[in-house]
Amino acid sequence: MLAVAEPAVVRAAIVHALGLPPALFWRLDVPPLTLTELTGRSGRWNLRCGRPLTTEGAGAPPQSGS
């Protein structure tokens, strides 16, 4: 699933998914135009954040240069 969301929504999702204390919401820095990925199995979440937003990072095939 892909969602385009405000930084506050991304912070809330991270806090909830990882079971962090609510006070950490304000300590998470979500830069604009970056990818945050939450993936997991069997109730265990993995977090990857801060990758620049590019067509390659979004799962699209790499674009070749001319």
PDB file of N, CA and C in Angstrom:
ATOM      1  N   MET A   1       0.845  -1.156   0.000  1.00  0.00           N
ATOM      2  CA  MET A   1       0.000   0.000   0.000  1.00  0.00           C
ATOM      3  C   MET A   1       0.895   1.225   0.000  1.00  0.00           C
ATOM      4  N   LEU A   2       0.501   2.210  -0.724  1.00  0.00           N
ATOM      5  CA  LEU A   2       1.223   3.475  -0.773  1.00  0.00           C
ATOM      6  C   LEU A   2       0.287   4.565  -0.296  1.00  0.00           C
ATOM      7  N   ALA A   3       0.762   5.422   0.575  1.00  0.00           N
ATOM      8  CA  ALA A   3      -0.023   6.548   1.056  1.00  0.00           C
ATOM      9  C   ALA A   3       0.830   7.801   1.024  1.00  0.00           C
ATOM     10  N   VAL A   4       0.255   8.881   0.562  1.00  0.00           N
ATOM     11  CA  VAL A   4       0.905  10.182   0.617  1.00  0.00           C
ATOM     12  C   VAL A   4       0.295  10.865   1.832  1.00  0.00           C
ATOM     13  N   ALA A   5       1.142  11.185   2.811  1.00  0.00           N
ATOM     14  CA  ALA A   5       0.612  11.657   4.087  1.00  0.00           C
ATOM     15  C   ALA A   5       1.451  12.784   4.676  1.00  0.00           C
ATOM     16  N   GLU A   6       0.811  13.552   5.524  1.00  0.00           N
ATOM     17  CA  GLU A   6       1.485  14.593   6.281  1.00  0.00           C
ATOM     18  C   GLU A   6       2.466  13.951   7.262  1.00  0.00           C
ATOM     19  N   PRO A   7       3.542  14.660   7.634  1.00  0.00           N
ATOM     20  CA  PRO A   7       4.508  14.107   8.585  1.00  0.00           C
ATOM     21  C   PRO A   7       3.887  13.641   9.904  1.00  0.00           C
ATOM     22  N   ALA A   8       2.863  14.330  10.392  1.00  0.00           N
ATOM     23  CA  ALA A   8       2.229  13.930  11.658  1.00  0.00           C
ATOM     24  C   ALA A   8       1.577  12.557  11.539  1.00  0.00           C
ATOM     25  N   VAL A   9       1.007  12.258  10.386  1.00  0.00           N
ATOM     26  CA  VAL A   9       0.385  10.945  10.175  1.00  0.00           C
ATOM     27  C   VAL A   9       1.455   9.859  10.144  1.00  0.00           C
ATOM     28  N   VAL A  10       2.568  10.154   9.500  1.00  0.00           N
ATOM     29  CA  VAL A  10       3.675   9.191   9.440  1.00  0.00           C
ATOM     30  C   VAL A  10       4.226   8.944  10.845  1.00  0.00           C
ATOM     31  N   ARG A  11       4.426  10.006  11.618  1.00  0.00           N
ATOM     32  CA  ARG A  11       4.914   9.845  12.995  1.00  0.00           C
ATOM     33  C   ARG A  11       3.950   9.009  13.820  1.00  0.00           C
ATOM     34  N   ALA A  12       2.649   9.270  13.687  1.00  0.00           N
ATOM     35  CA  ALA A  12       1.651   8.515  14.451  1.00  0.00           C
ATOM     36  C   ALA A  12       1.671   7.040  14.057  1.00  0.00           C
ATOM     37  N   ALA A  13       1.817   6.744  12.776  1.00  0.00           N
ATOM     38  CA  ALA A  13       1.876   5.356  12.324  1.00  0.00           C
ATOM     39  C   ALA A  13       3.104   4.640  12.884  1.00  0.00           C
ATOM     40  N   ILE A  14       4.233   5.323  12.909  1.00  0.00           N
ATOM     41  CA  ILE A  14       5.465   4.736  13.449  1.00  0.00           C
ATOM     42  C   ILE A  14       5.314   4.460  14.940  1.00  0.00           C
ATOM     43  N   VAL A  15       4.812   5.431  15.684  1.00  0.00           N
ATOM     44  CA  VAL A  15       4.633   5.259  17.125  1.00  0.00           C
ATOM     45  C   VAL A  15       3.702   4.083  17.409  1.00  0.00           C
ATOM     46  N   HIS A  16       2.602   4.002  16.673  1.00  0.00           N
ATOM     47  CA  HIS A  16       1.639   2.923  16.889  1.00  0.00           C
ATOM     48  C   HIS A  16       2.216   1.557  16.503  1.00  0.00           C
ATOM     49  N   ALA A  17       2.776   1.469  15.303  1.00  0.00           N
ATOM     50  CA  ALA A  17       3.268   0.180  14.800  1.00  0.00           C
ATOM     51  C   ALA A  17       4.398  -0.383  15.657  1.00  0.00           C
ATOM     52  N   LEU A  18       5.277   0.483  16.124  1.00  0.00           N
ATOM     53  CA  LEU A  18       6.421   0.014  16.898  1.00  0.00           C
ATOM     54  C   LEU A  18       6.145  -0.034  18.405  1.00  0.00           C
ATOM     55  N   GLY A  19       4.939   0.385  18.805  1.00  0.00           N
ATOM     56  CA  GLY A  19       4.585   0.336  20.224  1.00  0.00           C
ATOM     57  C   GLY A  19       5.410   1.287  21.067  1.00  0.00           C
ATOM     58  N   LEU A  20       5.751   2.435  20.505  1.00  0.00           N
ATOM     59  CA  LEU A  20       6.570   3.416  21.226  1.00  0.00           C
ATOM     60  C   LEU A  20       5.702   4.227  22.178  1.00  0.00           C
ATOM     61  N   PRO A  21       6.301   4.795  23.217  1.00  0.00           N
ATOM     62  CA  PRO A  21       5.538   5.694  24.099  1.00  0.00           C
ATOM     63  C   PRO A  21       5.053   6.910  23.308  1.00  0.00           C
ATOM     64  N   PRO A  22       3.823   7.355  23.552  1.00  0.00           N
ATOM     65  CA  PRO A  22       3.280   8.502  22.808  1.00  0.00           C
ATOM     66  C   PRO A  22       4.160   9.756  22.873  1.00  0.00           C
ATOM     67  N   ALA A  23       4.908   9.933  23.941  1.00  0.00           N
ATOM     68  CA  ALA A  23       5.765  11.118  24.065  1.00  0.00           C
ATOM     69  C   ALA A  23       6.830  11.168  22.967  1.00  0.00           C
ATOM     70  N   LEU A  24       7.161  10.038  22.357  1.00  0.00           N
ATOM     71  CA  LEU A  24       8.180  10.021  21.303  1.00  0.00           C
ATOM     72  C   LEU A  24       7.665  10.571  19.976  1.00  0.00           C
ATOM     73  N   PHE A  25       6.348  10.756  19.870  1.00  0.00           N
ATOM     74  CA  PHE A  25       5.755  11.319  18.650  1.00  0.00           C
ATOM     75  C   PHE A  25       6.492  12.578  18.217  1.00  0.00           C
ATOM     76  N   TRP A  26       6.739  13.485  19.146  1.00  0.00           N
ATOM     77  CA  TRP A  26       7.358  14.767  18.827  1.00  0.00           C
ATOM     78  C   TRP A  26       8.867  14.664  18.595  1.00  0.00           C
ATOM     79  N   ARG A  27       9.470  13.535  18.926  1.00  0.00           N
ATOM     80  CA  ARG A  27      10.922  13.377  18.761  1.00  0.00           C
ATOM     81  C   ARG A  27      11.285  12.779  17.408  1.00  0.00           C
ATOM     82  N   LEU A  28      10.282  12.340  16.655  1.00  0.00           N
ATOM     83  CA  LEU A  28      10.532  11.756  15.336  1.00  0.00           C
ATOM     84  C   LEU A  28      10.550  12.862  14.290  1.00  0.00           C
ATOM     85  N   ASP A  29      11.600  12.889  13.495  1.00  0.00           N
ATOM     86  CA  ASP A  29      11.729  13.876  12.434  1.00  0.00           C
ATOM     87  C   ASP A  29      11.418  13.192  11.109  1.00  0.00           C
ATOM     88  N   VAL A  30      10.400  13.655  10.435  1.00  0.00           N
ATOM     89  CA  VAL A  30      10.014  13.091   9.138  1.00  0.00           C
ATOM     90  C   VAL A  30      10.255  14.178   8.090  1.00  0.00           C
ATOM     91  N   PRO A  31      11.367  14.084   7.359  1.00  0.00           N
ATOM     92  CA  PRO A  31      11.667  15.101   6.350  1.00  0.00           C
ATOM     93  C   PRO A  31      10.638  15.075   5.218  1.00  0.00           C
ATOM     94  N   PRO A  32      10.378  16.231   4.602  1.00  0.00           N
ATOM     95  CA  PRO A  32       9.444  16.261   3.476  1.00  0.00           C
ATOM     96  C   PRO A  32      10.002  15.514   2.276  1.00  0.00           C
ATOM     97  N   LEU A  33       9.097  14.985   1.475  1.00  0.00           N
ATOM     98  CA  LEU A  33       9.425  14.284   0.228  1.00  0.00           C
ATOM     99  C   LEU A  33      10.402  13.126   0.431  1.00  0.00           C
ATOM    100  N   THR A  34      10.189  12.356   1.487  1.00  0.00           N
ATOM    101  CA  THR A  34      10.981  11.150   1.723  1.00  0.00           C
ATOM    102  C   THR A  34      10.037   9.966   1.890  1.00  0.00           C
ATOM    103  N   LEU A  35      10.588   8.784   1.728  1.00  0.00           N
ATOM    104  CA  LEU A  35       9.817   7.561   1.894  1.00  0.00           C
ATOM    105  C   LEU A  35      10.014   7.006   3.296  1.00  0.00           C
ATOM    106  N   THR A  36       8.932   6.573   3.891  1.00  0.00           N
ATOM    107  CA  THR A  36       8.974   5.855   5.156  1.00  0.00           C
ATOM    108  C   THR A  36       8.285   4.524   4.902  1.00  0.00           C
ATOM    109  N   GLU A  37       8.975   3.431   5.157  1.00  0.00           N
ATOM    110  CA  GLU A  37       8.413   2.108   4.913  1.00  0.00           C
ATOM    111  C   GLU A  37       8.241   1.347   6.221  1.00  0.00           C
ATOM    112  N   LEU A  38       7.051   0.819   6.432  1.00  0.00           N
ATOM    113  CA  LEU A  38       6.784  -0.094   7.538  1.00  0.00           C
ATOM    114  C   LEU A  38       6.461  -1.434   6.906  1.00  0.00           C
ATOM    115  N   THR A  39       7.279  -2.419   7.164  1.00  0.00           N
ATOM    116  CA  THR A  39       7.049  -3.764   6.649  1.00  0.00           C
ATOM    117  C   THR A  39       7.149  -4.740   7.804  1.00  0.00           C
ATOM    118  N   GLY A  40       6.567  -5.881   7.642  1.00  0.00           N
ATOM    119  CA  GLY A  40       6.704  -6.848   8.720  1.00  0.00           C
ATOM    120  C   GLY A  40       5.931  -8.126   8.494  1.00  0.00           C
ATOM    121  N   ARG A  41       6.155  -9.045   9.412  1.00  0.00           N
ATOM    122  CA  ARG A  41       5.494 -10.346   9.420  1.00  0.00           C
ATOM    123  C   ARG A  41       5.222 -10.749  10.848  1.00  0.00           C
ATOM    124  N   SER A  42       4.206 -11.536  11.016  1.00  0.00           N
ATOM    125  CA  SER A  42       3.894 -12.138  12.324  1.00  0.00           C
ATOM    126  C   SER A  42       3.867 -11.114  13.454  1.00  0.00           C
ATOM    127  N   GLY A  43       3.309  -9.932  13.184  1.00  0.00           N
ATOM    128  CA  GLY A  43       3.188  -8.925  14.227  1.00  0.00           C
ATOM    129  C   GLY A  43       4.460  -8.182  14.563  1.00  0.00           C
ATOM    130  N   ARG A  44       5.513  -8.377  13.804  1.00  0.00           N
ATOM    131  CA  ARG A  44       6.779  -7.673  14.050  1.00  0.00           C
ATOM    132  C   ARG A  44       7.024  -6.700  12.909  1.00  0.00           C
ATOM    133  N   TRP A  45       7.170  -5.424  13.233  1.00  0.00           N
ATOM    134  CA  TRP A  45       7.344  -4.390  12.231  1.00  0.00           C
ATOM    135  C   TRP A  45       8.807  -4.012  12.062  1.00  0.00           C
ATOM    136  N   ASN A  46       9.165  -3.659  10.844  1.00  0.00           N
ATOM    137  CA  ASN A  46      10.484  -3.133  10.515  1.00  0.00           C
ATOM    138  C   ASN A  46      10.280  -1.736   9.929  1.00  0.00           C
ATOM    139  N   LEU A  47      11.189  -0.852  10.224  1.00  0.00           N
ATOM    140  CA  LEU A  47      11.068   0.536   9.792  1.00  0.00           C
ATOM    141  C   LEU A  47      12.263   0.929   8.945  1.00  0.00           C
ATOM    142  N   ARG A  48      11.979   1.560   7.806  1.00  0.00           N
ATOM    143  CA  ARG A  48      13.020   2.176   6.977  1.00  0.00           C
ATOM    144  C   ARG A  48      12.516   3.581   6.668  1.00  0.00           C
ATOM    145  N   CYS A  49      13.290   4.586   7.001  1.00  0.00           N
ATOM    146  CA  CYS A  49      12.796   5.951   6.793  1.00  0.00           C
ATOM    147  C   CYS A  49      13.884   6.867   6.277  1.00  0.00           C
ATOM    148  N   GLY A  50      13.437   7.998   5.713  1.00  0.00           N
ATOM    149  CA  GLY A  50      14.342   9.042   5.282  1.00  0.00           C
ATOM    150  C   GLY A  50      14.936   8.880   3.900  1.00  0.00           C
ATOM    151  N   ARG A  51      14.481   7.868   3.150  1.00  0.00           N
ATOM    152  CA  ARG A  51      15.005   7.723   1.788  1.00  0.00           C
ATOM    153  C   ARG A  51      14.419   8.806   0.897  1.00  0.00           C
ATOM    154  N   PRO A  52      15.218   9.405   0.023  1.00  0.00           N
ATOM    155  CA  PRO A  52      14.694  10.439  -0.884  1.00  0.00           C
ATOM    156  C   PRO A  52      13.607   9.867  -1.787  1.00  0.00           C
ATOM    157  N   LEU A  53      12.646  10.672  -2.108  1.00  0.00           N
ATOM    158  CA  LEU A  53      11.554  10.267  -2.979  1.00  0.00           C
ATOM    159  C   LEU A  53      12.025  10.350  -4.423  1.00  0.00           C
ATOM    160  N   THR A  54      12.152   9.190  -5.063  1.00  0.00           N
ATOM    161  CA  THR A  54      12.520   9.111  -6.472  1.00  0.00           C
ATOM    162  C   THR A  54      11.644   8.056  -7.112  1.00  0.00           C
ATOM    163  N   THR A  55      11.647   7.996  -8.422  1.00  0.00           N
ATOM    164  CA  THR A  55      10.861   6.952  -9.082  1.00  0.00           C
ATOM    165  C   THR A  55      11.438   5.583  -8.779  1.00  0.00           C
ATOM    166  N   GLU A  56      12.745   5.470  -8.595  1.00  0.00           N
ATOM    167  CA  GLU A  56      13.366   4.189  -8.255  1.00  0.00           C
ATOM    168  C   GLU A  56      12.988   3.766  -6.844  1.00  0.00           C
ATOM    169  N   GLY A  57      12.975   4.705  -5.891  1.00  0.00           N
ATOM    170  CA  GLY A  57      12.658   4.394  -4.515  1.00  0.00           C
ATOM    171  C   GLY A  57      11.209   3.995  -4.323  1.00  0.00           C
ATOM    172  N   ALA A  58      10.341   4.400  -5.244  1.00  0.00           N
ATOM    173  CA  ALA A  58       8.919   4.108  -5.131  1.00  0.00           C
ATOM    174  C   ALA A  58       8.549   2.775  -5.755  1.00  0.00           C
ATOM    175  N   GLY A  59       9.539   1.998  -6.153  1.00  0.00           N
ATOM    176  CA  GLY A  59       9.245   0.689  -6.719  1.00  0.00           C
ATOM    177  C   GLY A  59       9.131   0.683  -8.236  1.00  0.00           C
ATOM    178  N   ALA A  60       9.304   1.817  -8.865  1.00  0.00           N
ATOM    179  CA  ALA A  60       9.261   1.875 -10.318  1.00  0.00           C
ATOM    180  C   ALA A  60      10.593   1.390 -10.872  1.00  0.00           C
ATOM    181  N   PRO A  61      10.590   0.875 -12.082  1.00  0.00           N
ATOM    182  CA  PRO A  61      11.866   0.444 -12.654  1.00  0.00           C
ATOM    183  C   PRO A  61      12.795   1.632 -12.850  1.00  0.00           C
ATOM    184  N   PRO A  62      14.114   1.400 -12.730  1.00  0.00           N
ATOM    185  CA  PRO A  62      15.070   2.493 -12.920  1.00  0.00           C
ATOM    186  C   PRO A  62      14.946   3.098 -14.308  1.00  0.00           C
ATOM    187  N   GLN A  63      15.116   4.407 -14.401  1.00  0.00           N
ATOM    188  CA  GLN A  63      15.060   5.072 -15.679  1.00  0.00           C
ATOM    189  C   GLN A  63      16.466   5.194 -16.219  1.00  0.00           C
ATOM    190  N   SER A  64      16.641   4.815 -17.476  1.00  0.00           N
ATOM    191  CA  SER A  64      17.981   4.901 -18.062  1.00  0.00           C
ATOM    192  C   SER A  64      18.205   6.295 -18.617  1.00  0.00           C
ATOM    193  N   GLY A  65      19.445   6.754 -18.512  1.00  0.00           N
ATOM    194  CA  GLY A  65      19.796   8.072 -19.045  1.00  0.00           C
ATOM    195  C   GLY A  65      20.062   7.997 -20.526  1.00  0.00           C
ATOM    196  N   SER A  66      19.849   9.111 -21.230  1.00  0.00           N
ATOM    197  CA  SER A  66      20.084   9.127 -22.678  1.00  0.00           C
ATOM    198  C   SER A  66      21.466   9.653 -22.959  1.00  0.00           C
TER     199      SER A  66
END
